[in-house]
Amino acid sequence: MAEIEIGRLLRSGITGCVVGCRVSQLSAPAFGDLVRIPLADGLQVFGLIHDIHIDDDGLVRQLVTSDAITEEVIRDNRENRNVPVEVSVLFVGYEQAGAVSHLLPPRPPLTLDAIYPCSEAELCRFTAAGRFGYFRHVLRAAELPIGELLAAHIQKTAAAQKACGNDEWVNKASQELITLLRDDYPTLNSVLGALADCKI
């Protein structure tokens, strides 16, 4: 089965990157998804999608002020034009020589590197490795909607782990978050409130 490329890197640093993609590629990535960026030397960087940003441009500004926009014009604008879409990714670990690490990658990916969604097996392998060390990268990113991001990620991962035969993953993940946030009641309350709204 061919891999579905989400897009290509516009810019990156040691903690994350921004990916450019077309609107037609937006069926692949979603908020909270785990994605991967394969590098030339066998290193594979993993990250969580924490923002999808769709910019306007001159034509869109003109279209929204017109009296009536036909479905054909909307479809043409979305399918045939290069609508500027940016996907922001927070790095949470990497894999090298088959070993998963929840540390930051040793170097950032380069511009125009391709980014792919993780398969269910890849999601299970990455999130089951170690003791949820990748949670600290999310909890450190104070500018992000931490509760919503963790809830979206845990909801998707719990379903994948259950399909892989690991029914206890969600309970262990929740306990680890409670332990990590025991001295930060506002963040803990936000995370638990978002998790309570999930269908897990």
N, C-alpha and C. Protein backbone atom coordinates (compact mmCIF):
# COMPACT_ATOMS: atom_id res chain seq x y z
N MET A 1 0.85 -1.18 0.00
CA MET A 1 0.00 0.00 0.00
C MET A 1 0.89 1.24 0.00
N ALA A 2 0.65 2.19 -0.87
CA ALA A 2 1.47 3.39 -0.99
C ALA A 2 1.23 4.31 0.21
N GLU A 3 2.32 4.93 0.65
CA GLU A 3 2.22 5.87 1.77
C GLU A 3 1.58 7.16 1.30
N ILE A 4 0.80 7.77 2.17
CA ILE A 4 0.14 9.04 1.86
C ILE A 4 0.98 10.16 2.45
N GLU A 5 1.53 10.97 1.59
CA GLU A 5 2.32 12.10 2.06
C GLU A 5 1.39 13.24 2.46
N ILE A 6 1.57 13.76 3.68
CA ILE A 6 0.76 14.89 4.13
C ILE A 6 1.22 16.17 3.46
N GLY A 7 2.51 16.38 3.44
CA GLY A 7 3.07 17.60 2.88
C GLY A 7 4.57 17.61 3.04
N ARG A 8 5.17 18.82 2.89
CA ARG A 8 6.63 18.95 3.01
C ARG A 8 6.97 20.10 3.94
N LEU A 9 8.10 19.97 4.61
CA LEU A 9 8.50 20.94 5.62
C LEU A 9 8.79 22.31 5.02
N LEU A 10 8.22 23.33 5.66
CA LEU A 10 8.53 24.71 5.33
C LEU A 10 9.68 25.22 6.20
N ARG A 11 9.59 24.90 7.49
CA ARG A 11 10.64 25.30 8.43
C ARG A 11 10.61 24.35 9.61
N SER A 12 11.75 24.24 10.30
CA SER A 12 11.81 23.33 11.45
C SER A 12 12.86 23.79 12.43
N GLY A 13 12.75 23.30 13.66
CA GLY A 13 13.71 23.51 14.71
C GLY A 13 13.83 22.22 15.48
N ILE A 14 14.51 22.25 16.60
CA ILE A 14 14.73 21.02 17.35
C ILE A 14 13.46 20.55 18.08
N THR A 15 12.50 21.48 18.31
CA THR A 15 11.29 21.09 19.05
C THR A 15 10.06 20.90 18.17
N GLY A 16 10.14 21.29 16.90
CA GLY A 16 8.96 21.14 16.05
C GLY A 16 9.18 21.68 14.65
N CYS A 17 8.12 21.62 13.85
CA CYS A 17 8.23 22.08 12.47
C CYS A 17 6.87 22.57 11.98
N VAL A 18 6.91 23.23 10.83
CA VAL A 18 5.69 23.65 10.14
C VAL A 18 5.74 23.04 8.75
N VAL A 19 4.63 22.42 8.36
CA VAL A 19 4.54 21.69 7.10
C VAL A 19 3.56 22.41 6.19
N GLY A 20 3.88 22.53 4.93
CA GLY A 20 2.96 23.08 3.95
C GLY A 20 2.26 21.96 3.22
N CYS A 21 0.95 22.12 3.01
CA CYS A 21 0.22 21.11 2.25
C CYS A 21 -0.94 21.78 1.51
N ARG A 22 -1.51 21.04 0.59
CA ARG A 22 -2.67 21.52 -0.16
C ARG A 22 -3.94 21.14 0.57
N VAL A 23 -5.03 21.84 0.26
CA VAL A 23 -6.32 21.53 0.87
C VAL A 23 -6.73 20.09 0.57
N SER A 24 -6.43 19.59 -0.62
CA SER A 24 -6.81 18.23 -0.98
C SER A 24 -6.09 17.19 -0.13
N GLN A 25 -4.98 17.58 0.54
CA GLN A 25 -4.26 16.65 1.41
C GLN A 25 -4.78 16.69 2.84
N LEU A 26 -5.72 17.58 3.12
CA LEU A 26 -6.17 17.77 4.49
C LEU A 26 -7.02 16.63 5.03
N SER A 27 -7.36 15.65 4.21
CA SER A 27 -8.09 14.51 4.74
C SER A 27 -7.18 13.62 5.57
N ALA A 28 -5.87 13.71 5.36
CA ALA A 28 -4.93 12.86 6.07
C ALA A 28 -4.62 13.35 7.49
N PRO A 29 -4.16 14.61 7.68
CA PRO A 29 -3.80 14.99 9.04
C PRO A 29 -4.97 15.52 9.84
N ALA A 30 -4.92 15.33 11.15
CA ALA A 30 -5.94 15.89 12.04
C ALA A 30 -5.26 16.26 13.35
N PHE A 31 -5.87 17.16 14.07
CA PHE A 31 -5.38 17.61 15.36
C PHE A 31 -5.14 16.41 16.28
N GLY A 32 -3.95 16.33 16.87
CA GLY A 32 -3.62 15.24 17.79
C GLY A 32 -3.04 14.00 17.14
N ASP A 33 -2.98 13.96 15.80
CA ASP A 33 -2.41 12.79 15.11
C ASP A 33 -0.91 12.71 15.32
N LEU A 34 -0.39 11.49 15.41
CA LEU A 34 1.04 11.26 15.44
C LEU A 34 1.52 11.11 13.99
N VAL A 35 2.57 11.86 13.65
CA VAL A 35 3.12 11.83 12.30
C VAL A 35 4.61 11.51 12.37
N ARG A 36 5.18 11.18 11.22
CA ARG A 36 6.61 10.84 11.20
C ARG A 36 7.29 11.47 10.00
N ILE A 37 8.56 11.78 10.19
CA ILE A 37 9.37 12.36 9.12
C ILE A 37 10.61 11.48 8.95
N PRO A 38 10.66 10.66 7.90
CA PRO A 38 11.85 9.84 7.68
C PRO A 38 13.00 10.69 7.15
N LEU A 39 14.19 10.51 7.72
CA LEU A 39 15.37 11.23 7.27
C LEU A 39 16.30 10.29 6.51
N ALA A 40 17.28 10.86 5.85
CA ALA A 40 18.13 10.09 4.93
C ALA A 40 18.93 8.99 5.60
N ASP A 41 19.35 9.17 6.85
CA ASP A 41 20.25 8.20 7.49
C ASP A 41 19.51 7.15 8.33
N GLY A 42 18.24 6.93 8.08
CA GLY A 42 17.47 5.93 8.81
C GLY A 42 16.83 6.45 10.08
N LEU A 43 17.11 7.69 10.44
CA LEU A 43 16.46 8.33 11.58
C LEU A 43 15.03 8.71 11.18
N GLN A 44 14.10 8.52 12.11
CA GLN A 44 12.72 8.88 11.85
C GLN A 44 12.22 9.73 13.02
N VAL A 45 11.78 10.94 12.74
CA VAL A 45 11.33 11.87 13.78
C VAL A 45 9.81 11.77 13.89
N PHE A 46 9.30 11.72 15.13
CA PHE A 46 7.87 11.63 15.39
C PHE A 46 7.37 12.94 16.02
N GLY A 47 6.15 13.32 15.67
CA GLY A 47 5.57 14.52 16.25
C GLY A 47 4.06 14.46 16.30
N LEU A 48 3.48 15.36 17.09
CA LEU A 48 2.02 15.48 17.21
C LEU A 48 1.56 16.75 16.50
N ILE A 49 0.51 16.63 15.70
CA ILE A 49 -0.07 17.81 15.04
C ILE A 49 -0.83 18.61 16.09
N HIS A 50 -0.41 19.88 16.27
CA HIS A 50 -1.07 20.71 17.29
C HIS A 50 -1.77 21.93 16.69
N ASP A 51 -1.64 22.15 15.38
CA ASP A 51 -2.35 23.26 14.76
C ASP A 51 -2.42 23.04 13.26
N ILE A 52 -3.54 23.42 12.68
CA ILE A 52 -3.71 23.44 11.22
C ILE A 52 -4.22 24.83 10.88
N HIS A 53 -3.43 25.55 10.11
CA HIS A 53 -3.68 26.96 9.87
C HIS A 53 -3.92 27.20 8.38
N ILE A 54 -5.05 27.79 8.03
CA ILE A 54 -5.36 28.08 6.63
C ILE A 54 -5.38 29.59 6.46
N ASP A 55 -4.41 30.10 5.71
CA ASP A 55 -4.30 31.55 5.49
C ASP A 55 -5.23 32.00 4.38
N ASP A 56 -5.52 33.29 4.41
CA ASP A 56 -6.27 33.87 3.31
C ASP A 56 -5.29 34.40 2.27
N ASP A 57 -5.82 34.80 1.14
CA ASP A 57 -5.02 35.48 0.12
C ASP A 57 -5.92 36.50 -0.58
N GLY A 58 -5.38 37.20 -1.55
CA GLY A 58 -6.13 38.27 -2.22
C GLY A 58 -7.44 37.80 -2.83
N LEU A 59 -7.44 36.65 -3.51
CA LEU A 59 -8.65 36.17 -4.16
C LEU A 59 -9.72 35.80 -3.13
N VAL A 60 -9.32 35.12 -2.06
CA VAL A 60 -10.28 34.73 -1.03
C VAL A 60 -10.91 35.98 -0.41
N ARG A 61 -10.12 37.00 -0.17
CA ARG A 61 -10.65 38.24 0.40
C ARG A 61 -11.71 38.86 -0.52
N GLN A 62 -11.47 38.78 -1.84
CA GLN A 62 -12.45 39.30 -2.79
C GLN A 62 -13.71 38.44 -2.82
N LEU A 63 -13.52 37.12 -2.78
CA LEU A 63 -14.66 36.21 -2.86
C LEU A 63 -15.60 36.36 -1.66
N VAL A 64 -15.05 36.49 -0.46
CA VAL A 64 -15.92 36.54 0.72
C VAL A 64 -16.74 37.82 0.78
N THR A 65 -16.35 38.83 0.04
CA THR A 65 -17.13 40.08 0.05
C THR A 65 -18.16 40.14 -1.08
N SER A 66 -18.17 39.13 -1.95
CA SER A 66 -19.15 39.13 -3.03
C SER A 66 -20.51 38.68 -2.50
N ASP A 67 -21.56 39.03 -3.23
CA ASP A 67 -22.92 38.75 -2.77
C ASP A 67 -23.24 37.26 -2.73
N ALA A 68 -22.84 36.55 -3.77
CA ALA A 68 -23.15 35.11 -3.83
C ALA A 68 -21.95 34.37 -4.40
N ILE A 69 -21.60 33.28 -3.74
CA ILE A 69 -20.49 32.45 -4.22
C ILE A 69 -21.08 31.10 -4.60
N THR A 70 -20.89 30.70 -5.84
CA THR A 70 -21.44 29.42 -6.30
C THR A 70 -20.57 28.27 -5.79
N GLU A 71 -21.17 27.10 -5.75
CA GLU A 71 -20.43 25.89 -5.34
C GLU A 71 -19.25 25.63 -6.27
N GLU A 72 -19.43 25.94 -7.57
CA GLU A 72 -18.35 25.72 -8.54
C GLU A 72 -17.13 26.58 -8.21
N VAL A 73 -17.37 27.84 -7.83
CA VAL A 73 -16.26 28.74 -7.47
C VAL A 73 -15.56 28.25 -6.21
N ILE A 74 -16.32 27.81 -5.22
CA ILE A 74 -15.73 27.29 -3.98
C ILE A 74 -14.89 26.05 -4.28
N ARG A 75 -15.46 25.13 -5.06
CA ARG A 75 -14.74 23.90 -5.40
C ARG A 75 -13.48 24.20 -6.19
N ASP A 76 -13.58 25.14 -7.15
CA ASP A 76 -12.42 25.52 -7.96
C ASP A 76 -11.34 26.13 -7.07
N ASN A 77 -11.75 26.98 -6.13
CA ASN A 77 -10.79 27.62 -5.23
C ASN A 77 -10.07 26.59 -4.36
N ARG A 78 -10.80 25.57 -3.91
CA ARG A 78 -10.21 24.57 -3.01
C ARG A 78 -9.42 23.50 -3.74
N GLU A 79 -9.84 23.13 -4.94
CA GLU A 79 -9.22 22.01 -5.62
C GLU A 79 -8.16 22.40 -6.65
N ASN A 80 -8.33 23.54 -7.29
CA ASN A 80 -7.42 23.89 -8.40
C ASN A 80 -6.40 24.97 -8.06
N ARG A 81 -6.58 25.66 -6.94
CA ARG A 81 -5.62 26.70 -6.55
C ARG A 81 -4.76 26.21 -5.40
N ASN A 82 -3.62 26.81 -5.25
CA ASN A 82 -2.74 26.47 -4.14
C ASN A 82 -3.13 27.28 -2.91
N VAL A 83 -4.13 26.78 -2.18
CA VAL A 83 -4.56 27.46 -0.96
C VAL A 83 -3.47 27.25 0.09
N PRO A 84 -2.98 28.31 0.72
CA PRO A 84 -1.90 28.15 1.69
C PRO A 84 -2.38 27.51 3.00
N VAL A 85 -1.93 26.28 3.24
CA VAL A 85 -2.29 25.54 4.45
C VAL A 85 -1.00 25.17 5.18
N GLU A 86 -0.95 25.46 6.48
CA GLU A 86 0.22 25.12 7.28
C GLU A 86 -0.21 24.21 8.43
N VAL A 87 0.55 23.13 8.62
CA VAL A 87 0.32 22.18 9.70
C VAL A 87 1.51 22.29 10.65
N SER A 88 1.24 22.59 11.93
CA SER A 88 2.30 22.72 12.92
C SER A 88 2.42 21.42 13.72
N VAL A 89 3.67 20.99 13.91
CA VAL A 89 3.96 19.70 14.53
C VAL A 89 4.92 19.91 15.70
N LEU A 90 4.60 19.29 16.84
CA LEU A 90 5.46 19.30 18.01
C LEU A 90 6.22 17.97 18.05
N PHE A 91 7.56 18.02 18.03
CA PHE A 91 8.34 16.78 18.06
C PHE A 91 8.25 16.14 19.44
N VAL A 92 8.05 14.81 19.46
CA VAL A 92 7.91 14.08 20.72
C VAL A 92 8.86 12.89 20.83
N GLY A 93 9.69 12.67 19.82
CA GLY A 93 10.63 11.55 19.88
C GLY A 93 11.16 11.18 18.52
N TYR A 94 11.92 10.10 18.50
CA TYR A 94 12.48 9.63 17.24
C TYR A 94 12.76 8.13 17.32
N GLU A 95 13.06 7.56 16.17
CA GLU A 95 13.41 6.13 16.09
C GLU A 95 14.68 6.01 15.27
N GLN A 96 15.61 5.22 15.76
CA GLN A 96 16.84 4.98 15.02
C GLN A 96 17.24 3.53 15.23
N ALA A 97 17.54 2.85 14.14
CA ALA A 97 17.93 1.43 14.16
C ALA A 97 16.90 0.59 14.90
N GLY A 98 15.62 0.91 14.72
CA GLY A 98 14.54 0.14 15.32
C GLY A 98 14.25 0.45 16.77
N ALA A 99 15.03 1.35 17.39
CA ALA A 99 14.83 1.69 18.80
C ALA A 99 14.11 3.03 18.91
N VAL A 100 13.00 3.06 19.65
CA VAL A 100 12.22 4.27 19.85
C VAL A 100 12.74 5.02 21.06
N SER A 101 12.91 6.33 20.92
CA SER A 101 13.32 7.20 22.03
C SER A 101 12.31 8.34 22.16
N HIS A 102 11.97 8.68 23.38
CA HIS A 102 11.05 9.80 23.62
C HIS A 102 11.82 11.09 23.93
N LEU A 103 13.08 11.14 23.54
CA LEU A 103 13.87 12.37 23.63
C LEU A 103 13.66 13.19 22.36
N LEU A 104 14.06 14.46 22.41
CA LEU A 104 14.02 15.27 21.19
C LEU A 104 15.00 14.71 20.17
N PRO A 105 14.71 14.86 18.89
CA PRO A 105 15.62 14.32 17.87
C PRO A 105 16.99 14.99 17.93
N PRO A 106 18.05 14.29 17.50
CA PRO A 106 19.39 14.87 17.56
C PRO A 106 19.58 16.05 16.62
N ARG A 107 18.77 16.15 15.61
CA ARG A 107 18.82 17.30 14.69
C ARG A 107 17.46 17.44 14.02
N PRO A 108 17.13 18.65 13.60
CA PRO A 108 15.81 18.84 12.96
C PRO A 108 15.83 18.34 11.53
N PRO A 109 14.65 17.98 11.01
CA PRO A 109 14.55 17.65 9.58
C PRO A 109 14.84 18.90 8.74
N LEU A 110 15.08 18.68 7.46
CA LEU A 110 15.40 19.78 6.56
C LEU A 110 14.16 20.24 5.80
N THR A 111 14.20 21.45 5.27
CA THR A 111 13.09 21.93 4.46
C THR A 111 12.87 20.99 3.29
N LEU A 112 11.62 20.83 2.92
CA LEU A 112 11.13 19.98 1.83
C LEU A 112 11.19 18.49 2.15
N ASP A 113 11.60 18.10 3.38
CA ASP A 113 11.45 16.70 3.78
C ASP A 113 9.96 16.38 3.83
N ALA A 114 9.59 15.16 3.46
CA ALA A 114 8.19 14.75 3.44
C ALA A 114 7.76 14.28 4.83
N ILE A 115 6.48 14.48 5.13
CA ILE A 115 5.91 14.05 6.41
C ILE A 115 4.72 13.13 6.13
N TYR A 116 4.59 12.07 6.95
CA TYR A 116 3.57 11.04 6.73
C TYR A 116 2.78 10.79 8.00
N PRO A 117 1.50 10.40 7.87
CA PRO A 117 0.76 9.97 9.06
C PRO A 117 1.28 8.62 9.52
N CYS A 118 1.24 8.36 10.81
CA CYS A 118 1.67 7.06 11.34
C CYS A 118 0.56 6.03 11.13
N SER A 119 0.96 4.84 10.80
CA SER A 119 -0.01 3.74 10.72
C SER A 119 -0.40 3.35 12.15
N GLU A 120 -1.42 2.52 12.26
CA GLU A 120 -1.85 2.06 13.58
C GLU A 120 -0.72 1.33 14.29
N ALA A 121 0.02 0.50 13.55
CA ALA A 121 1.14 -0.25 14.15
C ALA A 121 2.24 0.69 14.61
N GLU A 122 2.55 1.71 13.83
CA GLU A 122 3.57 2.68 14.22
C GLU A 122 3.14 3.48 15.44
N LEU A 123 1.87 3.86 15.48
CA LEU A 123 1.32 4.58 16.62
C LEU A 123 1.44 3.73 17.89
N CYS A 124 1.08 2.46 17.79
CA CYS A 124 1.16 1.56 18.94
C CYS A 124 2.61 1.37 19.39
N ARG A 125 3.52 1.18 18.44
CA ARG A 125 4.92 0.95 18.78
C ARG A 125 5.52 2.16 19.48
N PHE A 126 5.26 3.36 18.94
CA PHE A 126 5.85 4.56 19.53
C PHE A 126 5.28 4.85 20.92
N THR A 127 3.96 4.77 21.06
CA THR A 127 3.33 5.16 22.33
C THR A 127 3.48 4.10 23.42
N ALA A 128 3.78 2.85 23.06
CA ALA A 128 3.97 1.80 24.06
C ALA A 128 5.42 1.71 24.52
N ALA A 129 6.33 2.38 23.82
CA ALA A 129 7.75 2.33 24.19
C ALA A 129 7.99 3.17 25.45
N GLY A 130 8.79 2.65 26.36
CA GLY A 130 9.15 3.43 27.54
C GLY A 130 7.97 3.68 28.46
N ARG A 131 8.06 4.79 29.20
CA ARG A 131 7.04 5.12 30.21
C ARG A 131 6.43 6.48 29.94
N PHE A 132 5.86 6.66 28.77
CA PHE A 132 5.16 7.89 28.40
C PHE A 132 6.06 9.13 28.50
N GLY A 133 7.34 8.96 28.21
CA GLY A 133 8.28 10.07 28.28
C GLY A 133 7.93 11.20 27.33
N TYR A 134 7.22 10.90 26.26
CA TYR A 134 6.89 11.94 25.29
C TYR A 134 5.84 12.92 25.82
N PHE A 135 5.13 12.56 26.88
CA PHE A 135 4.15 13.48 27.47
C PHE A 135 4.81 14.78 27.92
N ARG A 136 6.07 14.71 28.38
CA ARG A 136 6.72 15.91 28.92
C ARG A 136 6.90 16.99 27.86
N HIS A 137 7.06 16.58 26.58
CA HIS A 137 7.20 17.56 25.50
C HIS A 137 5.89 18.36 25.33
N VAL A 138 4.77 17.65 25.47
CA VAL A 138 3.47 18.31 25.35
C VAL A 138 3.23 19.21 26.56
N LEU A 139 3.51 18.71 27.75
CA LEU A 139 3.25 19.46 28.97
C LEU A 139 4.14 20.70 29.09
N ARG A 140 5.30 20.67 28.46
CA ARG A 140 6.22 21.81 28.49
C ARG A 140 5.77 22.93 27.54
N ALA A 141 4.96 22.60 26.54
CA ALA A 141 4.54 23.57 25.52
C ALA A 141 3.34 24.37 26.03
N ALA A 142 3.62 25.33 26.91
CA ALA A 142 2.56 26.07 27.60
C ALA A 142 1.67 26.88 26.66
N GLU A 143 2.19 27.21 25.46
CA GLU A 143 1.40 28.02 24.52
C GLU A 143 0.37 27.19 23.75
N LEU A 144 0.41 25.89 23.89
CA LEU A 144 -0.51 25.01 23.17
C LEU A 144 -1.75 24.71 24.02
N PRO A 145 -2.85 24.31 23.37
CA PRO A 145 -4.03 23.85 24.14
C PRO A 145 -3.78 22.43 24.64
N ILE A 146 -3.02 22.34 25.74
CA ILE A 146 -2.49 21.05 26.22
C ILE A 146 -3.60 20.03 26.48
N GLY A 147 -4.65 20.45 27.19
CA GLY A 147 -5.72 19.52 27.51
C GLY A 147 -6.37 18.94 26.27
N GLU A 148 -6.70 19.80 25.31
CA GLU A 148 -7.35 19.35 24.07
C GLU A 148 -6.43 18.48 23.24
N LEU A 149 -5.14 18.85 23.18
CA LEU A 149 -4.17 18.08 22.39
C LEU A 149 -3.99 16.68 22.97
N LEU A 150 -3.80 16.59 24.28
CA LEU A 150 -3.63 15.27 24.90
C LEU A 150 -4.90 14.44 24.78
N ALA A 151 -6.07 15.08 24.93
CA ALA A 151 -7.33 14.33 24.82
C ALA A 151 -7.50 13.76 23.41
N ALA A 152 -7.22 14.57 22.38
CA ALA A 152 -7.35 14.09 21.00
C ALA A 152 -6.36 12.96 20.74
N HIS A 153 -5.14 13.12 21.22
CA HIS A 153 -4.11 12.10 21.01
C HIS A 153 -4.46 10.81 21.75
N ILE A 154 -4.87 10.93 23.02
CA ILE A 154 -5.17 9.74 23.81
C ILE A 154 -6.39 9.00 23.28
N GLN A 155 -7.39 9.74 22.81
CA GLN A 155 -8.58 9.09 22.24
C GLN A 155 -8.20 8.23 21.04
N LYS A 156 -7.39 8.79 20.13
CA LYS A 156 -6.99 8.03 18.93
C LYS A 156 -6.06 6.87 19.29
N THR A 157 -5.14 7.13 20.22
CA THR A 157 -4.17 6.10 20.58
C THR A 157 -4.81 4.96 21.36
N ALA A 158 -5.77 5.28 22.22
CA ALA A 158 -6.44 4.23 22.99
C ALA A 158 -7.14 3.24 22.06
N ALA A 159 -7.78 3.76 21.00
CA ALA A 159 -8.45 2.88 20.04
C ALA A 159 -7.43 2.01 19.31
N ALA A 160 -6.29 2.61 18.92
CA ALA A 160 -5.25 1.84 18.23
C ALA A 160 -4.64 0.80 19.16
N GLN A 161 -4.36 1.18 20.40
CA GLN A 161 -3.77 0.23 21.35
C GLN A 161 -4.74 -0.91 21.66
N LYS A 162 -6.01 -0.59 21.73
CA LYS A 162 -7.01 -1.65 21.97
C LYS A 162 -7.03 -2.63 20.81
N ALA A 163 -6.95 -2.09 19.58
CA ALA A 163 -6.91 -2.96 18.39
C ALA A 163 -5.65 -3.80 18.36
N CYS A 164 -4.57 -3.29 18.98
CA CYS A 164 -3.30 -4.04 19.04
C CYS A 164 -3.26 -4.97 20.25
N GLY A 165 -4.35 -5.02 21.02
CA GLY A 165 -4.43 -5.94 22.16
C GLY A 165 -3.93 -5.37 23.48
N ASN A 166 -3.74 -4.05 23.55
CA ASN A 166 -3.24 -3.43 24.77
C ASN A 166 -4.36 -2.59 25.40
N ASP A 167 -5.30 -3.26 26.06
CA ASP A 167 -6.46 -2.58 26.64
C ASP A 167 -6.11 -1.67 27.81
N GLU A 168 -4.99 -1.92 28.45
CA GLU A 168 -4.61 -1.16 29.65
C GLU A 168 -3.90 0.14 29.35
N TRP A 169 -3.56 0.40 28.06
CA TRP A 169 -2.76 1.58 27.74
C TRP A 169 -3.41 2.87 28.23
N VAL A 170 -4.70 3.03 28.01
CA VAL A 170 -5.37 4.29 28.36
C VAL A 170 -5.36 4.53 29.87
N ASN A 171 -5.52 3.48 30.67
CA ASN A 171 -5.48 3.63 32.12
C ASN A 171 -4.08 4.03 32.60
N LYS A 172 -3.07 3.40 32.02
CA LYS A 172 -1.69 3.73 32.38
C LYS A 172 -1.34 5.15 31.96
N ALA A 173 -1.80 5.55 30.78
CA ALA A 173 -1.54 6.92 30.30
C ALA A 173 -2.20 7.95 31.22
N SER A 174 -3.43 7.69 31.61
CA SER A 174 -4.15 8.61 32.51
C SER A 174 -3.46 8.71 33.86
N GLN A 175 -3.03 7.57 34.40
CA GLN A 175 -2.32 7.58 35.69
C GLN A 175 -1.00 8.35 35.59
N GLU A 176 -0.29 8.19 34.48
CA GLU A 176 0.97 8.90 34.30
C GLU A 176 0.74 10.41 34.23
N LEU A 177 -0.30 10.84 33.54
CA LEU A 177 -0.62 12.27 33.47
C LEU A 177 -0.97 12.83 34.84
N ILE A 178 -1.73 12.08 35.63
CA ILE A 178 -2.07 12.52 36.98
C ILE A 178 -0.81 12.67 37.83
N THR A 179 0.11 11.72 37.69
CA THR A 179 1.38 11.79 38.43
C THR A 179 2.20 12.99 38.00
N LEU A 180 2.32 13.21 36.69
CA LEU A 180 3.13 14.31 36.17
C LEU A 180 2.56 15.68 36.55
N LEU A 181 1.23 15.75 36.67
CA LEU A 181 0.58 17.04 36.90
C LEU A 181 0.09 17.22 38.34
N ARG A 182 0.54 16.39 39.25
CA ARG A 182 0.04 16.46 40.63
C ARG A 182 0.31 17.80 41.30
N ASP A 183 1.34 18.52 40.84
CA ASP A 183 1.65 19.83 41.43
C ASP A 183 1.18 20.99 40.56
N ASP A 184 0.44 20.68 39.51
CA ASP A 184 -0.06 21.73 38.60
C ASP A 184 -1.56 21.51 38.41
N TYR A 185 -2.33 21.92 39.43
CA TYR A 185 -3.75 21.63 39.42
C TYR A 185 -4.49 22.24 38.23
N PRO A 186 -4.23 23.50 37.82
CA PRO A 186 -4.97 24.04 36.67
C PRO A 186 -4.79 23.23 35.38
N THR A 187 -3.55 22.80 35.11
CA THR A 187 -3.31 21.99 33.89
C THR A 187 -3.95 20.62 34.04
N LEU A 188 -3.81 20.01 35.22
CA LEU A 188 -4.43 18.70 35.47
C LEU A 188 -5.93 18.79 35.27
N ASN A 189 -6.55 19.83 35.79
CA ASN A 189 -7.99 20.01 35.65
C ASN A 189 -8.38 20.16 34.18
N SER A 190 -7.56 20.90 33.42
CA SER A 190 -7.82 21.08 31.98
C SER A 190 -7.72 19.76 31.23
N VAL A 191 -6.67 18.99 31.53
CA VAL A 191 -6.46 17.70 30.86
C VAL A 191 -7.57 16.72 31.20
N LEU A 192 -7.89 16.59 32.49
CA LEU A 192 -8.94 15.64 32.89
C LEU A 192 -10.31 16.06 32.36
N GLY A 193 -10.56 17.38 32.33
CA GLY A 193 -11.83 17.86 31.77
C GLY A 193 -11.96 17.52 30.29
N ALA A 194 -10.85 17.69 29.53
CA ALA A 194 -10.88 17.35 28.10
C ALA A 194 -11.03 15.84 27.91
N LEU A 195 -10.33 15.05 28.74
CA LEU A 195 -10.44 13.59 28.63
C LEU A 195 -11.85 13.12 28.95
N ALA A 196 -12.52 13.80 29.89
CA ALA A 196 -13.89 13.42 30.26
C ALA A 196 -14.85 13.59 29.07
N ASP A 197 -14.53 14.49 28.15
CA ASP A 197 -15.38 14.72 26.99
C ASP A 197 -15.09 13.75 25.83
N CYS A 198 -14.04 12.93 25.99
CA CYS A 198 -13.67 11.98 24.93
C CYS A 198 -14.51 10.72 25.02
N LYS A 199 -14.61 10.06 23.88
CA LYS A 199 -15.25 8.73 23.85
C LYS A 199 -14.13 7.70 23.85
N ILE A 200 -13.78 7.23 25.03
CA ILE A 200 -12.66 6.26 25.15
C ILE A 200 -13.22 4.95 25.67
